[in-house]
C-alpha cells in the first residue's frame, strides 16, 4: 500500500558508514513515527587505485535535490523544515517538495545514474 505523508525533516547527513562507504541519509518524524531514507553508495571501490574513490554521483544527487526542493545550497536543503514522503510497504520510496509536485527517489536516481555510467551499486 502506498501512502504520502507530510514529515518534519530532522536531519540530513552525508557520511562514511561502517564499511567505509560514502552515503547520505535523511531523518524524518511524523505523527509519532520516525524513519530514515537513503543509504545508497555514493562512491565506489577502484581496483586501479585499490581504494574507495569519489564519483560525480554525489554532485549530481545534490543538484537534483536542490531542484526538487528549490534551494541553492546544502545548508538551505538542511533548513527545509517539512517534506512529503512517499511510502510503500512501510518503506520510504521517495521524498518530495511540501507544496509542489516534485519528487526525488534515491533508487530511481541511482539506477539511472549508474545505469548510464556503468558503475556497480550497493544498497545497505
PDB file of N, CA and C in Angstrom:
ATOM      1  N   UNK A   1       0.831  -1.180   0.000  1.00  0.00           N
ATOM      2  CA  UNK A   1       0.000   0.000   0.000  1.00  0.00           C
ATOM      3  C   UNK A   1       0.880   1.251   0.000  1.00  0.00           C
ATOM      4  N   UNK A   2       0.568   2.176  -0.862  1.00  0.00           N
ATOM      5  CA  UNK A   2       1.349   3.408  -0.948  1.00  0.00           C
ATOM      6  C   UNK A   2       0.628   4.522  -0.215  1.00  0.00           C
ATOM      7  N   UNK A   3       1.397   5.339   0.510  1.00  0.00           N
ATOM      8  CA  UNK A   3       0.835   6.491   1.200  1.00  0.00           C
ATOM      9  C   UNK A   3       1.794   7.669   1.082  1.00  0.00           C
ATOM     10  N   UNK A   4       1.238   8.869   1.150  1.00  0.00           N
ATOM     11  CA  UNK A   4       2.037  10.095   1.150  1.00  0.00           C
ATOM     12  C   UNK A   4       1.694  10.850   2.427  1.00  0.00           C
ATOM     13  N   UNK A   5       2.743  11.212   3.181  1.00  0.00           N
ATOM     14  CA  UNK A   5       2.537  11.964   4.415  1.00  0.00           C
ATOM     15  C   UNK A   5       3.491  13.154   4.450  1.00  0.00           C
ATOM     16  N   UNK A   6       3.079  14.182   5.175  1.00  0.00           N
ATOM     17  CA  UNK A   6       3.963  15.311   5.435  1.00  0.00           C
ATOM     18  C   UNK A   6       4.809  14.960   6.652  1.00  0.00           C
ATOM     19  N   UNK A   7       6.109  15.195   6.561  1.00  0.00           N
ATOM     20  CA  UNK A   7       7.018  14.821   7.643  1.00  0.00           C
ATOM     21  C   UNK A   7       7.984  15.951   7.946  1.00  0.00           C
ATOM     22  N   UNK A   8       8.352  16.062   9.201  1.00  0.00           N
ATOM     23  CA  UNK A   8       9.358  17.043   9.619  1.00  0.00           C
ATOM     24  C   UNK A   8      10.736  16.471   9.343  1.00  0.00           C
ATOM     25  N   UNK A   9      11.547  17.245   8.668  1.00  0.00           N
ATOM     26  CA  UNK A   9      12.931  16.856   8.409  1.00  0.00           C
ATOM     27  C   UNK A   9      13.746  17.131   9.667  1.00  0.00           C
ATOM     28  N   UNK A  10      14.292  16.076  10.250  1.00  0.00           N
ATOM     29  CA  UNK A  10      15.084  16.202  11.475  1.00  0.00           C
ATOM     30  C   UNK A  10      16.561  16.416  11.177  1.00  0.00           C
ATOM     31  N   UNK A  11      17.061  15.755  10.118  1.00  0.00           N
ATOM     32  CA  UNK A  11      18.494  15.817   9.843  1.00  0.00           C
ATOM     33  C   UNK A  11      18.781  15.283   8.447  1.00  0.00           C
ATOM     34  N   UNK A  12      19.828  15.810   7.834  1.00  0.00           N
ATOM     35  CA  UNK A  12      20.400  15.237   6.616  1.00  0.00           C
ATOM     36  C   UNK A  12      21.878  15.040   6.905  1.00  0.00           C
ATOM     37  N   UNK A  13      22.376  13.845   6.630  1.00  0.00           N
ATOM     38  CA  UNK A  13      23.790  13.615   6.862  1.00  0.00           C
ATOM     39  C   UNK A  13      24.428  12.936   5.658  1.00  0.00           C
ATOM     40  N   UNK A  14      25.622  13.380   5.357  1.00  0.00           N
ATOM     41  CA  UNK A  14      26.481  12.741   4.364  1.00  0.00           C
ATOM     42  C   UNK A  14      27.684  12.260   5.151  1.00  0.00           C
ATOM     43  N   UNK A  15      27.951  10.954   5.095  1.00  0.00           N
ATOM     44  CA  UNK A  15      28.989  10.415   5.962  1.00  0.00           C
ATOM     45  C   UNK A  15      29.560   9.120   5.389  1.00  0.00           C
ATOM     46  N   UNK A  16      30.659   8.695   5.982  1.00  0.00           N
ATOM     47  CA  UNK A  16      31.269   7.410   5.643  1.00  0.00           C
ATOM     48  C   UNK A  16      30.769   6.408   6.674  1.00  0.00           C
ATOM     49  N   UNK A  17      30.014   5.411   6.200  1.00  0.00           N
ATOM     50  CA  UNK A  17      29.415   4.442   7.110  1.00  0.00           C
ATOM     51  C   UNK A  17      30.427   3.368   7.498  1.00  0.00           C
ATOM     52  N   UNK A  18      29.972   2.383   8.261  1.00  0.00           N
ATOM     53  CA  UNK A  18      30.858   1.381   8.874  1.00  0.00           C
ATOM     54  C   UNK A  18      31.767   0.632   7.906  1.00  0.00           C
ATOM     55  N   UNK A  19      31.357   0.479   6.667  1.00  0.00           N
ATOM     56  CA  UNK A  19      32.166  -0.254   5.687  1.00  0.00           C
ATOM     57  C   UNK A  19      33.002   0.689   4.816  1.00  0.00           C
ATOM     58  N   UNK A  20      33.205   1.922   5.302  1.00  0.00           N
ATOM     59  CA  UNK A  20      33.967   2.962   4.590  1.00  0.00           C
ATOM     60  C   UNK A  20      33.317   3.392   3.284  1.00  0.00           C
ATOM     61  N   UNK A  21      32.003   3.345   3.227  1.00  0.00           N
ATOM     62  CA  UNK A  21      31.272   3.726   2.021  1.00  0.00           C
ATOM     63  C   UNK A  21      30.580   5.062   2.259  1.00  0.00           C
ATOM     64  N   UNK A  22      30.768   5.993   1.330  1.00  0.00           N
ATOM     65  CA  UNK A  22      30.134   7.304   1.406  1.00  0.00           C
ATOM     66  C   UNK A  22      28.647   7.160   1.116  1.00  0.00           C
ATOM     67  N   UNK A  23      27.823   7.699   1.995  1.00  0.00           N
ATOM     68  CA  UNK A  23      26.382   7.580   1.825  1.00  0.00           C
ATOM     69  C   UNK A  23      25.684   8.841   2.347  1.00  0.00           C
ATOM     70  N   UNK A  24      24.366   8.910   2.165  1.00  0.00           N
ATOM     71  CA  UNK A  24      23.563  10.049   2.604  1.00  0.00           C
ATOM     72  C   UNK A  24      22.280   9.525   3.227  1.00  0.00           C
ATOM     73  N   UNK A  25      21.846  10.153   4.329  1.00  0.00           N
ATOM     74  CA  UNK A  25      20.589   9.801   4.980  1.00  0.00           C
ATOM     75  C   UNK A  25      19.784  11.042   5.315  1.00  0.00           C
ATOM     76  N   UNK A  26      18.471  10.918   5.160  1.00  0.00           N
ATOM     77  CA  UNK A  26      17.507  11.905   5.621  1.00  0.00           C
ATOM     78  C   UNK A  26      16.771  11.269   6.799  1.00  0.00           C
ATOM     79  N   UNK A  27      16.586  12.000   7.890  1.00  0.00           N
ATOM     80  CA  UNK A  27      15.840  11.504   9.047  1.00  0.00           C
ATOM     81  C   UNK A  27      14.555  12.309   9.184  1.00  0.00           C
ATOM     82  N   UNK A  28      13.419  11.599   9.295  1.00  0.00           N
ATOM     83  CA  UNK A  28      12.096  12.226   9.349  1.00  0.00           C
ATOM     84  C   UNK A  28      11.332  11.817  10.598  1.00  0.00           C
ATOM     85  N   UNK A  29      10.419  12.700  11.026  1.00  0.00           N
ATOM     86  CA  UNK A  29       9.453  12.394  12.077  1.00  0.00           C
ATOM     87  C   UNK A  29       8.086  12.890  11.615  1.00  0.00           C
ATOM     88  N   UNK A  30       7.043  12.104  11.960  1.00  0.00           N
ATOM     89  CA  UNK A  30       5.657  12.492  11.674  1.00  0.00           C
ATOM     90  C   UNK A  30       4.735  11.645  12.534  1.00  0.00           C
ATOM     91  N   UNK A  31       3.671  12.230  13.019  1.00  0.00           N
ATOM     92  CA  UNK A  31       2.625  11.521  13.772  1.00  0.00           C
ATOM     93  C   UNK A  31       3.175  10.486  14.745  1.00  0.00           C
ATOM     94  N   UNK A  32       4.182  10.833  15.513  1.00  0.00           N
ATOM     95  CA  UNK A  32       4.738   9.904  16.485  1.00  0.00           C
ATOM     96  C   UNK A  32       5.647   8.840  15.894  1.00  0.00           C
ATOM     97  N   UNK A  33       5.892   8.904  14.597  1.00  0.00           N
ATOM     98  CA  UNK A  33       6.757   7.927  13.916  1.00  0.00           C
ATOM     99  C   UNK A  33       8.065   8.600  13.517  1.00  0.00           C
ATOM    100  N   UNK A  34       9.038   7.793  13.197  1.00  0.00           N
ATOM    101  CA  UNK A  34      10.302   8.287  12.673  1.00  0.00           C
ATOM    102  C   UNK A  34      10.893   7.269  11.730  1.00  0.00           C
ATOM    103  N   UNK A  35      11.577   7.761  10.710  1.00  0.00           N
ATOM    104  CA  UNK A  35      12.173   6.841   9.738  1.00  0.00           C
ATOM    105  C   UNK A  35      13.277   7.568   8.977  1.00  0.00           C
ATOM    106  N   UNK A  36      14.287   6.800   8.574  1.00  0.00           N
ATOM    107  CA  UNK A  36      15.366   7.328   7.760  1.00  0.00           C
ATOM    108  C   UNK A  36      15.191   6.934   6.307  1.00  0.00           C
ATOM    109  N   UNK A  37      15.851   7.687   5.432  1.00  0.00           N
ATOM    110  CA  UNK A  37      15.780   7.417   3.993  1.00  0.00           C
ATOM    111  C   UNK A  37      17.152   7.660   3.398  1.00  0.00           C
ATOM    112  N   UNK A  38      17.646   6.718   2.633  1.00  0.00           N
ATOM    113  CA  UNK A  38      18.948   6.866   1.981  1.00  0.00           C
ATOM    114  C   UNK A  38      19.730   5.571   2.096  1.00  0.00           C
ATOM    115  N   UNK A  39      21.032   5.709   2.278  1.00  0.00           N
ATOM    116  CA  UNK A  39      21.888   4.554   2.441  1.00  0.00           C
ATOM    117  C   UNK A  39      22.469   4.006   1.155  1.00  0.00           C
ATOM    118  N   UNK A  40      22.395   4.765   0.091  1.00  0.00           N
ATOM    119  CA  UNK A  40      22.951   4.303  -1.185  1.00  0.00           C
ATOM    120  C   UNK A  40      24.424   4.689  -1.291  1.00  0.00           C
ATOM    121  N   UNK A  41      25.183   3.860  -1.972  1.00  0.00           N
ATOM    122  CA  UNK A  41      26.602   4.087  -2.193  1.00  0.00           C
ATOM    123  C   UNK A  41      26.785   5.298  -3.113  1.00  0.00           C
ATOM    124  N   UNK A  42      27.572   6.265  -2.656  1.00  0.00           N
ATOM    125  CA  UNK A  42      27.819   7.474  -3.447  1.00  0.00           C
ATOM    126  C   UNK A  42      29.283   7.584  -3.881  1.00  0.00           C
ATOM    127  N   UNK A  43      30.052   6.514  -3.658  1.00  0.00           N
ATOM    128  CA  UNK A  43      31.417   6.397  -4.159  1.00  0.00           C
ATOM    129  C   UNK A  43      31.574   4.952  -4.625  1.00  0.00           C
ATOM    130  N   UNK A  44      32.758   4.535  -4.976  1.00  0.00           N
ATOM    131  CA  UNK A  44      32.945   3.136  -5.359  1.00  0.00           C
ATOM    132  C   UNK A  44      34.392   2.718  -5.132  1.00  0.00           C
ATOM    133  N   UNK A  45      34.600   1.396  -5.093  1.00  0.00           N
ATOM    134  CA  UNK A  45      35.948   0.872  -4.913  1.00  0.00           C
ATOM    135  C   UNK A  45      36.629   0.770  -6.272  1.00  0.00           C
ATOM    136  N   UNK A  46      37.769   1.423  -6.408  1.00  0.00           N
ATOM    137  CA  UNK A  46      38.543   1.388  -7.641  1.00  0.00           C
ATOM    138  C   UNK A  46      39.625   0.322  -7.530  1.00  0.00           C
ATOM    139  N   UNK A  47      39.532  -0.676  -8.379  1.00  0.00           N
ATOM    140  CA  UNK A  47      40.579  -1.705  -8.420  1.00  0.00           C
ATOM    141  C   UNK A  47      41.919  -1.070  -8.811  1.00  0.00           C
ATOM    142  N   UNK A  48      41.854  -0.127  -9.732  1.00  0.00           N
ATOM    143  CA  UNK A  48      43.074   0.529 -10.210  1.00  0.00           C
ATOM    144  C   UNK A  48      43.806   1.246  -9.067  1.00  0.00           C
ATOM    145  N   UNK A  49      43.044   1.980  -8.233  1.00  0.00           N
ATOM    146  CA  UNK A  49      43.649   2.749  -7.151  1.00  0.00           C
ATOM    147  C   UNK A  49      43.677   1.985  -5.822  1.00  0.00           C
ATOM    148  N   UNK A  50      43.018   0.834  -5.796  1.00  0.00           N
ATOM    149  CA  UNK A  50      42.943  -0.011  -4.608  1.00  0.00           C
ATOM    150  C   UNK A  50      42.417   0.756  -3.391  1.00  0.00           C
ATOM    151  N   UNK A  51      41.399   1.567  -3.617  1.00  0.00           N
ATOM    152  CA  UNK A  51      40.752   2.307  -2.534  1.00  0.00           C
ATOM    153  C   UNK A  51      39.397   2.820  -3.027  1.00  0.00           C
ATOM    154  N   UNK A  52      38.601   3.309  -2.110  1.00  0.00           N
ATOM    155  CA  UNK A  52      37.324   3.925  -2.472  1.00  0.00           C
ATOM    156  C   UNK A  52      37.625   5.302  -3.056  1.00  0.00           C
ATOM    157  N   UNK A  53      36.912   5.651  -4.109  1.00  0.00           N
ATOM    158  CA  UNK A  53      37.122   6.945  -4.761  1.00  0.00           C
ATOM    159  C   UNK A  53      35.772   7.626  -4.972  1.00  0.00           C
ATOM    160  N   UNK A  54      35.814   8.932  -5.013  1.00  0.00           N
ATOM    161  CA  UNK A  54      34.610   9.708  -5.245  1.00  0.00           C
ATOM    162  C   UNK A  54      34.164   9.610  -6.692  1.00  0.00           C
ATOM    163  N   UNK A  55      32.879   9.901  -6.895  1.00  0.00           N
ATOM    164  CA  UNK A  55      32.312   9.945  -8.238  1.00  0.00           C
ATOM    165  C   UNK A  55      31.475  11.212  -8.361  1.00  0.00           C
ATOM    166  N   UNK A  56      31.133  11.598  -9.555  1.00  0.00           N
ATOM    167  CA  UNK A  56      30.242  12.753  -9.722  1.00  0.00           C
ATOM    168  C   UNK A  56      28.806  12.480  -9.262  1.00  0.00           C
ATOM    169  N   UNK A  57      28.511  11.249  -8.852  1.00  0.00           N
ATOM    170  CA  UNK A  57      27.136  10.921  -8.463  1.00  0.00           C
ATOM    171  C   UNK A  57      26.672  11.774  -7.286  1.00  0.00           C
ATOM    172  N   UNK A  58      27.539  12.060  -6.312  1.00  0.00           N
ATOM    173  CA  UNK A  58      27.130  12.889  -5.180  1.00  0.00           C
ATOM    174  C   UNK A  58      26.771  14.297  -5.642  1.00  0.00           C
ATOM    175  N   UNK A  59      27.573  14.865  -6.525  1.00  0.00           N
ATOM    176  CA  UNK A  59      27.281  16.198  -7.054  1.00  0.00           C
ATOM    177  C   UNK A  59      25.956  16.197  -7.811  1.00  0.00           C
ATOM    178  N   UNK A  60      25.755  15.207  -8.680  1.00  0.00           N
ATOM    179  CA  UNK A  60      24.502  15.121  -9.434  1.00  0.00           C
ATOM    180  C   UNK A  60      23.312  14.913  -8.505  1.00  0.00           C
ATOM    181  N   UNK A  61      23.489  14.104  -7.469  1.00  0.00           N
ATOM    182  CA  UNK A  61      22.436  13.859  -6.488  1.00  0.00           C
ATOM    183  C   UNK A  61      22.048  15.165  -5.791  1.00  0.00           C
ATOM    184  N   UNK A  62      23.040  15.912  -5.346  1.00  0.00           N
ATOM    185  CA  UNK A  62      22.760  17.190  -4.684  1.00  0.00           C
ATOM    186  C   UNK A  62      22.076  18.170  -5.630  1.00  0.00           C
ATOM    187  N   UNK A  63      22.535  18.234  -6.868  1.00  0.00           N
ATOM    188  CA  UNK A  63      21.903  19.144  -7.834  1.00  0.00           C
ATOM    189  C   UNK A  63      20.427  18.786  -8.048  1.00  0.00           C
ATOM    190  N   UNK A  64      20.134  17.493  -8.127  1.00  0.00           N
ATOM    191  CA  UNK A  64      18.745  17.053  -8.295  1.00  0.00           C
ATOM    192  C   UNK A  64      17.911  17.392  -7.055  1.00  0.00           C
ATOM    193  N   UNK A  65      18.470  17.172  -5.882  1.00  0.00           N
ATOM    194  CA  UNK A  65      17.766  17.532  -4.646  1.00  0.00           C
ATOM    195  C   UNK A  65      17.538  19.041  -4.562  1.00  0.00           C
ATOM    196  N   UNK A  66      18.532  19.840  -4.974  1.00  0.00           N
ATOM    197  CA  UNK A  66      18.375  21.300  -4.975  1.00  0.00           C
ATOM    198  C   UNK A  66      17.205  21.711  -5.867  1.00  0.00           C
ATOM    199  N   UNK A  67      17.068  21.044  -7.025  1.00  0.00           N
ATOM    200  CA  UNK A  67      15.958  21.366  -7.941  1.00  0.00           C
ATOM    201  C   UNK A  67      14.615  21.004  -7.323  1.00  0.00           C
ATOM    202  N   UNK A  68      14.534  19.810  -6.778  1.00  0.00           N
ATOM    203  CA  UNK A  68      13.266  19.343  -6.207  1.00  0.00           C
ATOM    204  C   UNK A  68      12.808  20.261  -5.081  1.00  0.00           C
ATOM    205  N   UNK A  69      13.739  20.683  -4.235  1.00  0.00           N
ATOM    206  CA  UNK A  69      13.370  21.468  -3.060  1.00  0.00           C
ATOM    207  C   UNK A  69      13.610  22.970  -3.235  1.00  0.00           C
ATOM    208  N   UNK A  70      13.961  23.374  -4.460  1.00  0.00           N
ATOM    209  CA  UNK A  70      14.089  24.786  -4.807  1.00  0.00           C
ATOM    210  C   UNK A  70      15.044  25.526  -3.862  1.00  0.00           C
ATOM    211  N   UNK A  71      16.240  24.949  -3.678  1.00  0.00           N
ATOM    212  CA  UNK A  71      17.267  25.565  -2.844  1.00  0.00           C
ATOM    213  C   UNK A  71      18.557  25.678  -3.656  1.00  0.00           C
ATOM    214  N   UNK A  72      19.510  26.420  -3.117  1.00  0.00           N
ATOM    215  CA  UNK A  72      20.755  26.642  -3.846  1.00  0.00           C
ATOM    216  C   UNK A  72      21.998  26.162  -3.113  1.00  0.00           C
ATOM    217  N   UNK A  73      21.829  25.585  -1.912  1.00  0.00           N
ATOM    218  CA  UNK A  73      22.994  25.110  -1.166  1.00  0.00           C
ATOM    219  C   UNK A  73      22.594  23.939  -0.259  1.00  0.00           C
ATOM    220  N   UNK A  74      23.589  23.189   0.196  1.00  0.00           N
ATOM    221  CA  UNK A  74      23.327  22.091   1.118  1.00  0.00           C
ATOM    222  C   UNK A  74      22.770  22.631   2.431  1.00  0.00           C
ATOM    223  N   UNK A  75      23.291  23.769   2.876  1.00  0.00           N
ATOM    224  CA  UNK A  75      22.771  24.396   4.096  1.00  0.00           C
ATOM    225  C   UNK A  75      21.290  24.706   3.951  1.00  0.00           C
ATOM    226  N   UNK A  76      20.906  25.265   2.795  1.00  0.00           N
ATOM    227  CA  UNK A  76      19.485  25.561   2.553  1.00  0.00           C
ATOM    228  C   UNK A  76      18.653  24.276   2.536  1.00  0.00           C
ATOM    229  N   UNK A  77      19.186  23.210   1.940  1.00  0.00           N
ATOM    230  CA  UNK A  77      18.473  21.936   1.914  1.00  0.00           C
ATOM    231  C   UNK A  77      18.261  21.429   3.346  1.00  0.00           C
ATOM    232  N   UNK A  78      19.284  21.544   4.186  1.00  0.00           N
ATOM    233  CA  UNK A  78      19.172  21.106   5.580  1.00  0.00           C
ATOM    234  C   UNK A  78      18.160  21.944   6.360  1.00  0.00           C
ATOM    235  N   UNK A  79      17.923  23.173   5.913  1.00  0.00           N
ATOM    236  CA  UNK A  79      16.991  24.058   6.602  1.00  0.00           C
ATOM    237  C   UNK A  79      15.540  23.894   6.142  1.00  0.00           C
ATOM    238  N   UNK A  80      15.295  23.043   5.151  1.00  0.00           N
ATOM    239  CA  UNK A  80      13.916  22.748   4.769  1.00  0.00           C
ATOM    240  C   UNK A  80      13.277  22.043   5.960  1.00  0.00           C
ATOM    241  N   UNK A  81      12.166  22.566   6.456  1.00  0.00           N
ATOM    242  CA  UNK A  81      11.589  22.012   7.675  1.00  0.00           C
ATOM    243  C   UNK A  81      10.675  20.818   7.419  1.00  0.00           C
ATOM    244  N   UNK A  82       9.917  20.874   6.338  1.00  0.00           N
ATOM    245  CA  UNK A  82       8.960  19.798   6.055  1.00  0.00           C
ATOM    246  C   UNK A  82       9.099  19.327   4.616  1.00  0.00           C
ATOM    247  N   UNK A  83       8.950  18.034   4.440  1.00  0.00           N
ATOM    248  CA  UNK A  83       8.949  17.407   3.120  1.00  0.00           C
ATOM    249  C   UNK A  83       7.798  16.406   3.090  1.00  0.00           C
ATOM    250  N   UNK A  84       7.386  16.049   1.903  1.00  0.00           N
ATOM    251  CA  UNK A  84       6.445  14.939   1.782  1.00  0.00           C
ATOM    252  C   UNK A  84       7.266  13.673   1.614  1.00  0.00           C
ATOM    253  N   UNK A  85       6.777  12.605   2.176  1.00  0.00           N
ATOM    254  CA  UNK A  85       7.418  11.314   1.957  1.00  0.00           C
ATOM    255  C   UNK A  85       6.399  10.358   1.355  1.00  0.00           C
ATOM    256  N   UNK A  86       6.856   9.611   0.387  1.00  0.00           N
ATOM    257  CA  UNK A  86       6.035   8.586  -0.248  1.00  0.00           C
ATOM    258  C   UNK A  86       6.523   7.250   0.289  1.00  0.00           C
ATOM    259  N   UNK A  87       5.589   6.492   0.889  1.00  0.00           N
ATOM    260  CA  UNK A  87       5.940   5.209   1.482  1.00  0.00           C
ATOM    261  C   UNK A  87       5.201   4.088   0.764  1.00  0.00           C
ATOM    262  N   UNK A  88       5.869   2.976   0.636  1.00  0.00           N
ATOM    263  CA  UNK A  88       5.270   1.771   0.068  1.00  0.00           C
ATOM    264  C   UNK A  88       5.733   0.599   0.932  1.00  0.00           C
ATOM    265  N   UNK A  89       4.793  -0.179   1.412  1.00  0.00           N
ATOM    266  CA  UNK A  89       5.123  -1.301   2.306  1.00  0.00           C
ATOM    267  C   UNK A  89       6.004  -0.848   3.463  1.00  0.00           C
ATOM    268  N   UNK A  90       5.652   0.274   4.063  1.00  0.00           N
ATOM    269  CA  UNK A  90       6.313   0.867   5.241  1.00  0.00           C
ATOM    270  C   UNK A  90       7.722   1.386   4.987  1.00  0.00           C
ATOM    271  N   UNK A  91       8.167   1.399   3.734  1.00  0.00           N
ATOM    272  CA  UNK A  91       9.490   1.946   3.407  1.00  0.00           C
ATOM    273  C   UNK A  91       9.322   3.253   2.633  1.00  0.00           C
ATOM    274  N   UNK A  92      10.183   4.221   2.919  1.00  0.00           N
ATOM    275  CA  UNK A  92      10.164   5.466   2.144  1.00  0.00           C
ATOM    276  C   UNK A  92      10.753   5.161   0.776  1.00  0.00           C
ATOM    277  N   UNK A  93      10.017   5.517  -0.277  1.00  0.00           N
ATOM    278  CA  UNK A  93      10.489   5.265  -1.641  1.00  0.00           C
ATOM    279  C   UNK A  93      10.800   6.565  -2.380  1.00  0.00           C
ATOM    280  N   UNK A  94      10.343   7.706  -1.853  1.00  0.00           N
ATOM    281  CA  UNK A  94      10.632   8.996  -2.477  1.00  0.00           C
ATOM    282  C   UNK A  94      10.355  10.104  -1.473  1.00  0.00           C
ATOM    283  N   UNK A  95      11.007  11.242  -1.678  1.00  0.00           N
ATOM    284  CA  UNK A  95      10.756  12.434  -0.869  1.00  0.00           C
ATOM    285  C   UNK A  95      10.380  13.552  -1.826  1.00  0.00           C
ATOM    286  N   UNK A  96       9.506  14.446  -1.356  1.00  0.00           N
ATOM    287  CA  UNK A  96       9.015  15.475  -2.255  1.00  0.00           C
ATOM    288  C   UNK A  96       8.876  16.838  -1.609  1.00  0.00           C
ATOM    289  N   UNK A  97       8.795  17.823  -2.477  1.00  0.00           N
ATOM    290  CA  UNK A  97       8.553  19.204  -2.065  1.00  0.00           C
ATOM    291  C   UNK A  97       7.217  19.255  -1.333  1.00  0.00           C
ATOM    292  N   UNK A  98       7.126  20.056  -0.301  1.00  0.00           N
ATOM    293  CA  UNK A  98       5.944  20.055   0.553  1.00  0.00           C
ATOM    294  C   UNK A  98       4.696  20.583  -0.152  1.00  0.00           C
ATOM    295  N   UNK A  99       4.835  21.492  -1.113  1.00  0.00           N
ATOM    296  CA  UNK A  99       3.638  22.048  -1.768  1.00  0.00           C
ATOM    297  C   UNK A  99       3.602  21.839  -3.277  1.00  0.00           C
ATOM    298  N   UNK A 100       4.723  21.495  -3.874  1.00  0.00           N
ATOM    299  CA  UNK A 100       4.761  21.325  -5.324  1.00  0.00           C
ATOM    300  C   UNK A 100       4.958  19.857  -5.677  1.00  0.00           C
ATOM    301  N   UNK A 101       4.511  19.462  -6.849  1.00  0.00           N
ATOM    302  CA  UNK A 101       4.580  18.064  -7.272  1.00  0.00           C
ATOM    303  C   UNK A 101       5.950  17.747  -7.872  1.00  0.00           C
ATOM    304  N   UNK A 102       6.972  17.802  -6.996  1.00  0.00           N
ATOM    305  CA  UNK A 102       8.339  17.466  -7.403  1.00  0.00           C
ATOM    306  C   UNK A 102       8.863  16.436  -6.414  1.00  0.00           C
ATOM    307  N   UNK A 103       9.424  15.362  -6.954  1.00  0.00           N
ATOM    308  CA  UNK A 103       9.836  14.229  -6.130  1.00  0.00           C
ATOM    309  C   UNK A 103      11.271  13.808  -6.442  1.00  0.00           C
ATOM    310  N   UNK A 104      11.897  13.197  -5.437  1.00  0.00           N
ATOM    311  CA  UNK A 104      13.219  12.612  -5.601  1.00  0.00           C
ATOM    312  C   UNK A 104      13.185  11.199  -5.036  1.00  0.00           C
ATOM    313  N   UNK A 105      13.627  10.238  -5.845  1.00  0.00           N
ATOM    314  CA  UNK A 105      13.748   8.855  -5.411  1.00  0.00           C
ATOM    315  C   UNK A 105      15.214   8.446  -5.532  1.00  0.00           C
ATOM    316  N   UNK A 106      15.828   8.075  -4.403  1.00  0.00           N
ATOM    317  CA  UNK A 106      17.210   7.600  -4.459  1.00  0.00           C
ATOM    318  C   UNK A 106      17.340   6.423  -5.415  1.00  0.00           C
ATOM    319  N   UNK A 107      16.428   5.464  -5.314  1.00  0.00           N
ATOM    320  CA  UNK A 107      16.528   4.267  -6.143  1.00  0.00           C
ATOM    321  C   UNK A 107      16.493   4.621  -7.622  1.00  0.00           C
ATOM    322  N   UNK A 108      15.521   5.439  -8.035  1.00  0.00           N
ATOM    323  CA  UNK A 108      15.441   5.824  -9.451  1.00  0.00           C
ATOM    324  C   UNK A 108      16.660   6.625  -9.877  1.00  0.00           C
ATOM    325  N   UNK A 109      17.085   7.558  -9.025  1.00  0.00           N
ATOM    326  CA  UNK A 109      18.246   8.380  -9.364  1.00  0.00           C
ATOM    327  C   UNK A 109      19.489   7.511  -9.529  1.00  0.00           C
ATOM    328  N   UNK A 110      19.761   6.662  -8.546  1.00  0.00           N
ATOM    329  CA  UNK A 110      20.961   5.822  -8.583  1.00  0.00           C
ATOM    330  C   UNK A 110      20.889   4.827  -9.738  1.00  0.00           C
ATOM    331  N   UNK A 111      19.727   4.197  -9.924  1.00  0.00           N
ATOM    332  CA  UNK A 111      19.578   3.254 -11.039  1.00  0.00           C
ATOM    333  C   UNK A 111      19.851   3.940 -12.373  1.00  0.00           C
ATOM    334  N   UNK A 112      19.318   5.133 -12.556  1.00  0.00           N
ATOM    335  CA  UNK A 112      19.542   5.877 -13.805  1.00  0.00           C
ATOM    336  C   UNK A 112      20.988   6.317 -13.933  1.00  0.00           C
ATOM    337  N   UNK A 113      21.549   6.842 -12.862  1.00  0.00           N
ATOM    338  CA  UNK A 113      22.915   7.359 -12.924  1.00  0.00           C
ATOM    339  C   UNK A 113      23.911   6.245 -13.205  1.00  0.00           C
ATOM    340  N   UNK A 114      23.852   5.189 -12.398  1.00  0.00           N
ATOM    341  CA  UNK A 114      24.812   4.110 -12.567  1.00  0.00           C
ATOM    342  C   UNK A 114      24.524   3.299 -13.814  1.00  0.00           C
ATOM    343  N   UNK A 115      23.284   3.225 -14.229  1.00  0.00           N
ATOM    344  CA  UNK A 115      22.962   2.552 -15.487  1.00  0.00           C
ATOM    345  C   UNK A 115      23.622   3.245 -16.659  1.00  0.00           C
ATOM    346  N   UNK A 116      23.675   4.580 -16.590  1.00  0.00           N
ATOM    347  CA  UNK A 116      24.301   5.361 -17.655  1.00  0.00           C
ATOM    348  C   UNK A 116      25.820   5.324 -17.574  1.00  0.00           C
ATOM    349  N   UNK A 117      26.351   5.155 -16.356  1.00  0.00           N
ATOM    350  CA  UNK A 117      27.787   5.276 -16.152  1.00  0.00           C
ATOM    351  C   UNK A 117      28.489   3.953 -15.857  1.00  0.00           C
ATOM    352  N   UNK A 118      27.723   2.862 -15.849  1.00  0.00           N
ATOM    353  CA  UNK A 118      28.303   1.521 -15.767  1.00  0.00           C
ATOM    354  C   UNK A 118      29.223   1.326 -14.567  1.00  0.00           C
ATOM    355  N   UNK A 119      28.749   1.732 -13.379  1.00  0.00           N
ATOM    356  CA  UNK A 119      29.480   1.527 -12.131  1.00  0.00           C
ATOM    357  C   UNK A 119      28.604   0.663 -11.228  1.00  0.00           C
ATOM    358  N   UNK A 120      29.218  -0.206 -10.434  1.00  0.00           N
ATOM    359  CA  UNK A 120      28.448  -1.083  -9.550  1.00  0.00           C
ATOM    360  C   UNK A 120      27.723  -0.276  -8.487  1.00  0.00           C
ATOM    361  N   UNK A 121      26.597  -0.817  -8.009  1.00  0.00           N
ATOM    362  CA  UNK A 121      25.774  -0.173  -6.985  1.00  0.00           C
ATOM    363  C   UNK A 121      25.606  -1.121  -5.804  1.00  0.00           C
ATOM    364  N   UNK A 122      25.746  -0.571  -4.607  1.00  0.00           N
ATOM    365  CA  UNK A 122      25.487  -1.330  -3.394  1.00  0.00           C
ATOM    366  C   UNK A 122      24.459  -0.555  -2.599  1.00  0.00           C
ATOM    367  N   UNK A 123      23.413  -1.238  -2.112  1.00  0.00           N
ATOM    368  CA  UNK A 123      22.406  -0.635  -1.225  1.00  0.00           C
ATOM    369  C   UNK A 123      22.517  -1.315   0.126  1.00  0.00           C
ATOM    370  N   UNK A 124      22.582  -0.542   1.205  1.00  0.00           N
ATOM    371  CA  UNK A 124      22.720  -1.105   2.547  1.00  0.00           C
ATOM    372  C   UNK A 124      21.364  -1.318   3.156  1.00  0.00           C
TER     373      UNK A 124
END
